[in-house]
Amino acid sequence: MNQSPLYTTQLQAGLGLIEETQRLLELYEPGMRYPQLFAKALESGQFPLVSARRLDNIVRECFGPRYLRQSGLALRLKRLLPHLESDERQQLLMLHTARANTILADFIREVYWPRYTSGRDRLTREDAVEFVENAVREGRTQKPWASSTIRRISGYLLSACADFGLLESRRSGLRRLYSVRLSSRVAAYLAYDLKFRGLGDNQVLNHSDWQLFGLERSDVKEQFKRLSLEGLLIMQTAGDVTHISWQHKNMEEVVDVLAGY
């Protein structure tokens, strides 16, 4: 029986929303929940082309599930994002968006990266439709989706991937796959984030979040070797046994280091 969360249509509330997320993080203050952040965003004048209803939807259905459900996350991102390059911001926001939207995470892992690693350089709307149709058939949704919903969500999957720099931005036809390489700072952030979720070293190395960036266990170990050389952690390997010496005590310390990196 499939134990992973069921797919929802929540992605239709907003795709990458990279600029909007950055503005909301600038407005965010410790302890804020949806109503306070929405009220501050509405008063700020920073969303002049967005209706109040749409802004409320963005805060409740997109920003909230992605960045307010994990304690301290919004504050960490508020601190870190201004110090990152554009591609690093895309990668970090993609991580948290995929965690909040299982359908997007699985699409990236099960469709995007297999196409990329097999040497194909394009994705089509029909590739996404086939993925969603199979998901509905396999019972990954709470109830069967209508064909119109399937096509709509398929388009949202492709557009979200485009927002995060994985695909060419275009509304129809073939979309070119882009070469994406996980940055060292985002790799360090993810490694420590998994560590402070209580995972053991091998669990960190094997975690499915790495697959969002096309990395299998052997690739993750290579990434950790680079982080070792950069002094962000120390990895020791003997045969199949890997031990990691973590250099920082909490995520706040990690964010401070990465912000000044």
C-alpha atoms as a PDB file:
ATOM      1  CA  MET A   1       0.000   0.000   0.000  1.00  0.00           C
ATOM      2  CA  ASN A   2       1.310   3.466  -0.939  1.00  0.00           C
ATOM      3  CA  GLN A   3       2.132   5.324   2.269  1.00  0.00           C
ATOM      4  CA  SER A   4       3.227   8.617   0.648  1.00  0.00           C
ATOM      5  CA  PRO A   5       0.852  11.617   0.872  1.00  0.00           C
ATOM      6  CA  LEU A   6      -1.923  11.696  -1.702  1.00  0.00           C
ATOM      7  CA  TYR A   7      -1.596  14.141  -4.562  1.00  0.00           C
ATOM      8  CA  THR A   8      -3.636  17.339  -4.366  1.00  0.00           C
ATOM      9  CA  THR A   9      -4.403  20.202  -6.755  1.00  0.00           C
ATOM     10  CA  GLN A  10      -2.832  22.744  -4.386  1.00  0.00           C
ATOM     11  CA  LEU A  11      -0.084  23.539  -6.905  1.00  0.00           C
ATOM     12  CA  GLN A  12      -2.714  25.370  -8.975  1.00  0.00           C
ATOM     13  CA  ALA A  13      -2.823  28.073  -6.290  1.00  0.00           C
ATOM     14  CA  GLY A  14       0.663  29.179  -7.328  1.00  0.00           C
ATOM     15  CA  LEU A  15       3.677  27.729  -9.090  1.00  0.00           C
ATOM     16  CA  GLY A  16       7.236  28.796  -8.259  1.00  0.00           C
ATOM     17  CA  LEU A  17       6.189  32.240  -6.965  1.00  0.00           C
ATOM     18  CA  ILE A  18       9.849  33.119  -6.524  1.00  0.00           C
ATOM     19  CA  GLU A  19       9.504  36.921  -6.530  1.00  0.00           C
ATOM     20  CA  GLU A  20       6.349  36.840  -4.404  1.00  0.00           C
ATOM     21  CA  THR A  21       8.014  34.505  -1.900  1.00  0.00           C
ATOM     22  CA  GLN A  22      11.014  36.801  -1.581  1.00  0.00           C
ATOM     23  CA  ARG A  23       8.756  39.811  -0.936  1.00  0.00           C
ATOM     24  CA  LEU A  24       6.706  37.914   1.646  1.00  0.00           C
ATOM     25  CA  LEU A  25       9.872  36.755   3.408  1.00  0.00           C
ATOM     26  CA  GLU A  26      11.059  40.377   3.609  1.00  0.00           C
ATOM     27  CA  LEU A  27       7.743  41.268   5.292  1.00  0.00           C
ATOM     28  CA  TYR A  28       7.722  38.222   7.557  1.00  0.00           C
ATOM     29  CA  GLU A  29       8.428  38.697  11.275  1.00  0.00           C
ATOM     30  CA  PRO A  30       8.971  35.980  13.907  1.00  0.00           C
ATOM     31  CA  GLY A  31       5.757  34.353  15.065  1.00  0.00           C
ATOM     32  CA  MET A  32       3.622  35.562  12.182  1.00  0.00           C
ATOM     33  CA  ARG A  33       0.869  33.266  10.920  1.00  0.00           C
ATOM     34  CA  TYR A  34      -1.272  33.541   7.783  1.00  0.00           C
ATOM     35  CA  PRO A  35      -3.633  36.381   8.837  1.00  0.00           C
ATOM     36  CA  GLN A  36      -0.880  38.685  10.115  1.00  0.00           C
ATOM     37  CA  LEU A  37       1.346  38.135   7.090  1.00  0.00           C
ATOM     38  CA  PHE A  38      -1.548  38.652   4.680  1.00  0.00           C
ATOM     39  CA  ALA A  39      -2.549  41.886   6.442  1.00  0.00           C
ATOM     40  CA  LYS A  40       1.010  43.198   6.352  1.00  0.00           C
ATOM     41  CA  ALA A  41       1.448  42.226   2.700  1.00  0.00           C
ATOM     42  CA  LEU A  42      -1.821  43.954   1.795  1.00  0.00           C
ATOM     43  CA  GLU A  43      -0.793  47.140   3.613  1.00  0.00           C
ATOM     44  CA  SER A  44       2.757  47.114   2.211  1.00  0.00           C
ATOM     45  CA  GLY A  45       1.825  48.143  -1.311  1.00  0.00           C
ATOM     46  CA  GLN A  46       4.367  45.641  -2.646  1.00  0.00           C
ATOM     47  CA  PHE A  47       1.704  43.687  -4.573  1.00  0.00           C
ATOM     48  CA  PRO A  48      -0.034  46.431  -6.572  1.00  0.00           C
ATOM     49  CA  LEU A  49      -1.113  44.154  -9.441  1.00  0.00           C
ATOM     50  CA  VAL A  50      -2.486  41.405  -7.174  1.00  0.00           C
ATOM     51  CA  SER A  51      -6.070  41.485  -5.887  1.00  0.00           C
ATOM     52  CA  ALA A  52      -6.672  41.093  -2.149  1.00  0.00           C
ATOM     53  CA  ARG A  53      -8.368  37.751  -2.783  1.00  0.00           C
ATOM     54  CA  ARG A  54      -5.465  36.475  -4.872  1.00  0.00           C
ATOM     55  CA  LEU A  55      -2.925  37.697  -2.307  1.00  0.00           C
ATOM     56  CA  ASP A  56      -4.813  35.913   0.469  1.00  0.00           C
ATOM     57  CA  ASN A  57      -4.744  32.743  -1.645  1.00  0.00           C
ATOM     58  CA  ILE A  58      -0.992  33.061  -2.222  1.00  0.00           C
ATOM     59  CA  VAL A  59      -0.282  33.455   1.491  1.00  0.00           C
ATOM     60  CA  ARG A  60      -2.640  30.688   2.668  1.00  0.00           C
ATOM     61  CA  GLU A  61      -2.334  28.086  -0.080  1.00  0.00           C
ATOM     62  CA  CYS A  62       1.250  28.596  -1.255  1.00  0.00           C
ATOM     63  CA  PHE A  63       3.499  30.443   1.174  1.00  0.00           C
ATOM     64  CA  GLY A  64       1.950  28.937   4.304  1.00  0.00           C
ATOM     65  CA  PRO A  65       2.237  25.234   3.439  1.00  0.00           C
ATOM     66  CA  ARG A  66       5.746  25.721   2.057  1.00  0.00           C
ATOM     67  CA  TYR A  67       7.363  28.017   4.607  1.00  0.00           C
ATOM     68  CA  LEU A  68       5.246  28.342   7.765  1.00  0.00           C
ATOM     69  CA  ARG A  69       4.641  24.694   8.715  1.00  0.00           C
ATOM     70  CA  GLN A  70       8.224  24.060   9.828  1.00  0.00           C
ATOM     71  CA  SER A  71       9.177  26.087  12.886  1.00  0.00           C
ATOM     72  CA  GLY A  72      11.823  28.692  12.175  1.00  0.00           C
ATOM     73  CA  LEU A  73      11.993  27.992   8.433  1.00  0.00           C
ATOM     74  CA  ALA A  74      10.650  31.331   7.185  1.00  0.00           C
ATOM     75  CA  LEU A  75      13.059  33.209   9.435  1.00  0.00           C
ATOM     76  CA  ARG A  76      16.022  31.166   8.174  1.00  0.00           C
ATOM     77  CA  LEU A  77      15.087  31.786   4.546  1.00  0.00           C
ATOM     78  CA  LYS A  78      14.518  35.490   5.233  1.00  0.00           C
ATOM     79  CA  ARG A  79      18.094  35.629   6.532  1.00  0.00           C
ATOM     80  CA  LEU A  80      19.679  33.469   3.826  1.00  0.00           C
ATOM     81  CA  LEU A  81      17.986  34.279   0.516  1.00  0.00           C
ATOM     82  CA  PRO A  82      19.406  37.806   0.055  1.00  0.00           C
ATOM     83  CA  HIS A  83      22.925  36.313   0.113  1.00  0.00           C
ATOM     84  CA  LEU A  84      22.267  33.654  -2.543  1.00  0.00           C
ATOM     85  CA  GLU A  85      22.684  33.744  -6.307  1.00  0.00           C
ATOM     86  CA  SER A  86      19.546  33.506  -8.447  1.00  0.00           C
ATOM     87  CA  ASP A  87      20.016  29.798  -9.231  1.00  0.00           C
ATOM     88  CA  GLU A  88      20.631  29.021  -5.553  1.00  0.00           C
ATOM     89  CA  ARG A  89      17.374  30.757  -4.590  1.00  0.00           C
ATOM     90  CA  GLN A  90      15.549  28.730  -7.222  1.00  0.00           C
ATOM     91  CA  GLN A  91      17.002  25.477  -5.875  1.00  0.00           C
ATOM     92  CA  LEU A  92      16.187  26.263  -2.258  1.00  0.00           C
ATOM     93  CA  LEU A  93      12.612  27.338  -2.982  1.00  0.00           C
ATOM     94  CA  MET A  94      12.118  24.316  -5.246  1.00  0.00           C
ATOM     95  CA  LEU A  95      13.136  22.036  -2.369  1.00  0.00           C
ATOM     96  CA  HIS A  96      10.497  23.445  -0.035  1.00  0.00           C
ATOM     97  CA  THR A  97       7.822  23.679  -2.746  1.00  0.00           C
ATOM     98  CA  ALA A  98       8.387  20.029  -3.676  1.00  0.00           C
ATOM     99  CA  ARG A  99       8.180  18.992  -0.025  1.00  0.00           C
ATOM    100  CA  ALA A 100       4.787  20.709   0.227  1.00  0.00           C
ATOM    101  CA  ASN A 101       3.550  19.350  -3.124  1.00  0.00           C
ATOM    102  CA  THR A 102       4.266  15.628  -3.425  1.00  0.00           C
ATOM    103  CA  ILE A 103       2.992  15.523  -6.996  1.00  0.00           C
ATOM    104  CA  LEU A 104       5.684  18.003  -8.063  1.00  0.00           C
ATOM    105  CA  ALA A 105       8.391  16.137  -6.142  1.00  0.00           C
ATOM    106  CA  ASP A 106       7.462  12.834  -7.783  1.00  0.00           C
ATOM    107  CA  PHE A 107       7.204  14.412 -11.232  1.00  0.00           C
ATOM    108  CA  ILE A 108      10.724  15.794 -10.914  1.00  0.00           C
ATOM    109  CA  ARG A 109      12.095  12.497  -9.599  1.00  0.00           C
ATOM    110  CA  GLU A 110      10.135  10.108 -11.819  1.00  0.00           C
ATOM    111  CA  VAL A 111       9.845  12.029 -15.095  1.00  0.00           C
ATOM    112  CA  TYR A 112      12.230  14.976 -15.352  1.00  0.00           C
ATOM    113  CA  TRP A 113      15.473  13.362 -14.185  1.00  0.00           C
ATOM    114  CA  PRO A 114      14.994   9.986 -15.948  1.00  0.00           C
ATOM    115  CA  ARG A 115      14.420  11.941 -19.200  1.00  0.00           C
ATOM    116  CA  TYR A 116      17.476  14.078 -18.542  1.00  0.00           C
ATOM    117  CA  THR A 117      19.826  11.232 -17.620  1.00  0.00           C
ATOM    118  CA  SER A 118      18.692   9.135 -20.594  1.00  0.00           C
ATOM    119  CA  GLY A 119      19.936  11.867 -22.922  1.00  0.00           C
ATOM    120  CA  ARG A 120      16.578  13.315 -23.929  1.00  0.00           C
ATOM    121  CA  ASP A 121      16.564  17.101 -24.097  1.00  0.00           C
ATOM    122  CA  ARG A 122      12.826  17.848 -24.290  1.00  0.00           C
ATOM    123  CA  LEU A 123       9.628  17.340 -22.270  1.00  0.00           C
ATOM    124  CA  THR A 124       6.109  17.679 -23.627  1.00  0.00           C
ATOM    125  CA  ARG A 125       2.687  18.353 -22.154  1.00  0.00           C
ATOM    126  CA  GLU A 126       1.809  14.743 -23.012  1.00  0.00           C
ATOM    127  CA  ASP A 127       4.695  13.462 -20.848  1.00  0.00           C
ATOM    128  CA  ALA A 128       3.154  15.312 -17.912  1.00  0.00           C
ATOM    129  CA  VAL A 129      -0.385  14.175 -18.789  1.00  0.00           C
ATOM    130  CA  GLU A 130       0.774  10.547 -18.874  1.00  0.00           C
ATOM    131  CA  PHE A 131       2.382  10.926 -15.446  1.00  0.00           C
ATOM    132  CA  VAL A 132      -0.786  12.400 -13.909  1.00  0.00           C
ATOM    133  CA  GLU A 133      -3.064   9.866 -15.613  1.00  0.00           C
ATOM    134  CA  ASN A 134      -0.948   7.020 -14.232  1.00  0.00           C
ATOM    135  CA  ALA A 135      -1.036   8.597 -10.773  1.00  0.00           C
ATOM    136  CA  VAL A 136      -4.846   8.816 -10.838  1.00  0.00           C
ATOM    137  CA  ARG A 137      -5.056   5.218 -12.088  1.00  0.00           C
ATOM    138  CA  GLU A 138      -2.771   4.044  -9.260  1.00  0.00           C
ATOM    139  CA  GLY A 139      -4.911   5.741  -6.609  1.00  0.00           C
ATOM    140  CA  ARG A 140      -2.444   8.477  -5.679  1.00  0.00           C
ATOM    141  CA  THR A 141      -5.264  11.041  -5.590  1.00  0.00           C
ATOM    142  CA  GLN A 142      -8.029  11.128  -2.976  1.00  0.00           C
ATOM    143  CA  LYS A 143     -10.633  10.696  -5.714  1.00  0.00           C
ATOM    144  CA  PRO A 144     -10.360  10.303  -9.505  1.00  0.00           C
ATOM    145  CA  TRP A 145      -9.629  13.549 -11.358  1.00  0.00           C
ATOM    146  CA  ALA A 146     -11.565  14.647 -14.430  1.00  0.00           C
ATOM    147  CA  SER A 147      -9.631  14.797 -17.698  1.00  0.00           C
ATOM    148  CA  SER A 148      -9.785  18.609 -17.577  1.00  0.00           C
ATOM    149  CA  THR A 149      -8.176  18.583 -14.113  1.00  0.00           C
ATOM    150  CA  ILE A 150      -5.509  16.144 -15.316  1.00  0.00           C
ATOM    151  CA  ARG A 151      -4.551  18.416 -18.222  1.00  0.00           C
ATOM    152  CA  ARG A 152      -4.614  21.517 -16.038  1.00  0.00           C
ATOM    153  CA  ILE A 153      -2.375  20.007 -13.345  1.00  0.00           C
ATOM    154  CA  SER A 154      -0.046  18.641 -16.036  1.00  0.00           C
ATOM    155  CA  GLY A 155       0.459  22.181 -17.309  1.00  0.00           C
ATOM    156  CA  TYR A 156       1.111  23.426 -13.789  1.00  0.00           C
ATOM    157  CA  LEU A 157       3.805  20.779 -13.270  1.00  0.00           C
ATOM    158  CA  LEU A 158       5.658  21.918 -16.377  1.00  0.00           C
ATOM    159  CA  SER A 159       5.279  25.592 -15.503  1.00  0.00           C
ATOM    160  CA  ALA A 160       6.528  25.035 -11.944  1.00  0.00           C
ATOM    161  CA  CYS A 161       9.589  23.212 -13.312  1.00  0.00           C
ATOM    162  CA  ALA A 162      10.180  26.172 -15.630  1.00  0.00           C
ATOM    163  CA  ASP A 163       9.922  28.606 -12.707  1.00  0.00           C
ATOM    164  CA  PHE A 164      12.626  26.656 -10.884  1.00  0.00           C
ATOM    165  CA  GLY A 165      14.985  26.610 -13.853  1.00  0.00           C
ATOM    166  CA  LEU A 166      14.553  22.970 -14.868  1.00  0.00           C
ATOM    167  CA  LEU A 167      12.683  23.611 -18.105  1.00  0.00           C
ATOM    168  CA  GLU A 168      12.329  26.163 -20.853  1.00  0.00           C
ATOM    169  CA  SER A 169       9.503  28.640 -20.244  1.00  0.00           C
ATOM    170  CA  ARG A 170       6.891  28.306 -22.973  1.00  0.00           C
ATOM    171  CA  ARG A 171       3.173  27.629 -22.984  1.00  0.00           C
ATOM    172  CA  SER A 172       2.994  24.882 -25.585  1.00  0.00           C
ATOM    173  CA  GLY A 173       5.023  22.374 -27.569  1.00  0.00           C
ATOM    174  CA  LEU A 174       8.330  20.849 -26.603  1.00  0.00           C
ATOM    175  CA  ARG A 175      10.120  22.311 -23.592  1.00  0.00           C
ATOM    176  CA  ARG A 176      13.903  22.090 -23.494  1.00  0.00           C
ATOM    177  CA  LEU A 177      15.490  20.556 -20.391  1.00  0.00           C
ATOM    178  CA  TYR A 178      18.110  22.732 -18.729  1.00  0.00           C
ATOM    179  CA  SER A 179      21.316  21.538 -17.113  1.00  0.00           C
ATOM    180  CA  VAL A 180      20.996  21.955 -13.344  1.00  0.00           C
ATOM    181  CA  ARG A 181      23.825  21.455 -10.874  1.00  0.00           C
ATOM    182  CA  LEU A 182      23.173  21.588  -7.148  1.00  0.00           C
ATOM    183  CA  SER A 183      25.153  24.424  -5.591  1.00  0.00           C
ATOM    184  CA  SER A 184      27.459  23.765  -2.644  1.00  0.00           C
ATOM    185  CA  ARG A 185      25.566  26.162  -0.390  1.00  0.00           C
ATOM    186  CA  VAL A 186      22.199  24.544  -1.096  1.00  0.00           C
ATOM    187  CA  ALA A 187      23.787  21.087  -0.672  1.00  0.00           C
ATOM    188  CA  ALA A 188      25.148  22.123   2.731  1.00  0.00           C
ATOM    189  CA  TYR A 189      21.768  23.594   3.708  1.00  0.00           C
ATOM    190  CA  LEU A 190      19.967  20.377   2.721  1.00  0.00           C
ATOM    191  CA  ALA A 191      22.501  18.114   4.436  1.00  0.00           C
ATOM    192  CA  TYR A 192      22.207  19.967   7.737  1.00  0.00           C
ATOM    193  CA  ASP A 193      18.433  20.349   7.422  1.00  0.00           C
ATOM    194  CA  LEU A 194      18.112  16.563   7.162  1.00  0.00           C
ATOM    195  CA  LYS A 195      20.603  16.066  10.007  1.00  0.00           C
ATOM    196  CA  PHE A 196      18.637  18.345  12.340  1.00  0.00           C
ATOM    197  CA  ARG A 197      15.441  16.479  11.505  1.00  0.00           C
ATOM    198  CA  GLY A 198      16.958  13.660  13.508  1.00  0.00           C
ATOM    199  CA  LEU A 199      18.249  11.480  10.670  1.00  0.00           C
ATOM    200  CA  GLY A 200      21.368   9.336  10.955  1.00  0.00           C
ATOM    201  CA  ASP A 201      24.299   9.797   8.584  1.00  0.00           C
ATOM    202  CA  ASN A 202      23.236   7.017   6.201  1.00  0.00           C
ATOM    203  CA  GLN A 203      19.642   8.232   6.226  1.00  0.00           C
ATOM    204  CA  VAL A 204      20.867  11.685   5.242  1.00  0.00           C
ATOM    205  CA  LEU A 205      22.910  10.239   2.362  1.00  0.00           C
ATOM    206  CA  ASN A 206      19.983   8.108   1.145  1.00  0.00           C
ATOM    207  CA  HIS A 207      17.216  10.687   1.488  1.00  0.00           C
ATOM    208  CA  SER A 208      14.904  11.177  -1.486  1.00  0.00           C
ATOM    209  CA  ASP A 209      15.295  14.983  -1.350  1.00  0.00           C
ATOM    210  CA  TRP A 210      18.651  14.595  -3.127  1.00  0.00           C
ATOM    211  CA  GLN A 211      16.839  13.028  -6.077  1.00  0.00           C
ATOM    212  CA  LEU A 212      15.097  16.369  -6.675  1.00  0.00           C
ATOM    213  CA  PHE A 213      18.528  17.491  -7.902  1.00  0.00           C
ATOM    214  CA  GLY A 214      19.265  14.309  -9.839  1.00  0.00           C
ATOM    215  CA  LEU A 215      21.586  12.837  -7.204  1.00  0.00           C
ATOM    216  CA  GLU A 216      21.781   9.181  -6.154  1.00  0.00           C
ATOM    217  CA  ARG A 217      23.724   7.977  -3.114  1.00  0.00           C
ATOM    218  CA  SER A 218      27.091   7.847  -4.928  1.00  0.00           C
ATOM    219  CA  ASP A 219      26.538  11.393  -6.226  1.00  0.00           C
ATOM    220  CA  VAL A 220      25.616  12.591  -2.733  1.00  0.00           C
ATOM    221  CA  LYS A 221      28.843  11.137  -1.334  1.00  0.00           C
ATOM    222  CA  GLU A 222      30.800  13.041  -3.992  1.00  0.00           C
ATOM    223  CA  GLN A 223      28.905  16.192  -3.032  1.00  0.00           C
ATOM    224  CA  PHE A 224      29.788  15.588   0.627  1.00  0.00           C
ATOM    225  CA  LYS A 225      33.460  15.199  -0.311  1.00  0.00           C
ATOM    226  CA  ARG A 226      33.335  18.674  -1.838  1.00  0.00           C
ATOM    227  CA  LEU A 227      31.618  20.037   1.282  1.00  0.00           C
ATOM    228  CA  SER A 228      34.409  18.411   3.307  1.00  0.00           C
ATOM    229  CA  LEU A 229      37.059  20.197   1.254  1.00  0.00           C
ATOM    230  CA  GLU A 230      35.208  23.461   1.841  1.00  0.00           C
ATOM    231  CA  GLY A 231      35.191  22.848   5.613  1.00  0.00           C
ATOM    232  CA  LEU A 232      31.418  22.687   5.945  1.00  0.00           C
ATOM    233  CA  LEU A 233      31.522  19.139   7.361  1.00  0.00           C
ATOM    234  CA  ILE A 234      33.926  16.187   7.596  1.00  0.00           C
ATOM    235  CA  MET A 235      33.140  12.888   5.911  1.00  0.00           C
ATOM    236  CA  GLN A 236      35.068   9.686   6.614  1.00  0.00           C
ATOM    237  CA  THR A 237      34.414   6.555   4.571  1.00  0.00           C
ATOM    238  CA  ALA A 238      35.679   3.019   5.158  1.00  0.00           C
ATOM    239  CA  GLY A 239      34.151   0.492   2.751  1.00  0.00           C
ATOM    240  CA  ASP A 240      30.381   0.788   2.980  1.00  0.00           C
ATOM    241  CA  VAL A 241      30.499   2.638   6.301  1.00  0.00           C
ATOM    242  CA  THR A 242      30.309   6.424   6.210  1.00  0.00           C
ATOM    243  CA  HIS A 243      30.681   8.720   9.207  1.00  0.00           C
ATOM    244  CA  ILE A 244      30.009  12.445   9.068  1.00  0.00           C
ATOM    245  CA  SER A 245      31.337  14.938  11.580  1.00  0.00           C
ATOM    246  CA  TRP A 246      28.907  17.831  11.583  1.00  0.00           C
ATOM    247  CA  GLN A 247      30.604  21.176  12.205  1.00  0.00           C
ATOM    248  CA  HIS A 248      27.575  23.211  13.257  1.00  0.00           C
ATOM    249  CA  LYS A 249      25.178  22.846  16.177  1.00  0.00           C
ATOM    250  CA  ASN A 250      21.899  24.106  14.655  1.00  0.00           C
ATOM    251  CA  MET A 251      20.377  25.499  11.455  1.00  0.00           C
ATOM    252  CA  GLU A 252      20.707  29.088  12.615  1.00  0.00           C
ATOM    253  CA  GLU A 253      24.465  28.629  12.810  1.00  0.00           C
ATOM    254  CA  VAL A 254      24.478  26.960   9.390  1.00  0.00           C
ATOM    255  CA  VAL A 255      22.509  29.834   7.851  1.00  0.00           C
ATOM    256  CA  ASP A 256      24.916  32.386   9.354  1.00  0.00           C
ATOM    257  CA  VAL A 257      27.870  30.532   7.840  1.00  0.00           C
ATOM    258  CA  LEU A 258      26.228  30.154   4.412  1.00  0.00           C
ATOM    259  CA  ALA A 259      25.084  33.795   4.379  1.00  0.00           C
ATOM    260  CA  GLY A 260      28.695  34.886   4.783  1.00  0.00           C
ATOM    261  CA  TYR A 261      30.124  32.256   2.465  1.00  0.00           C
END
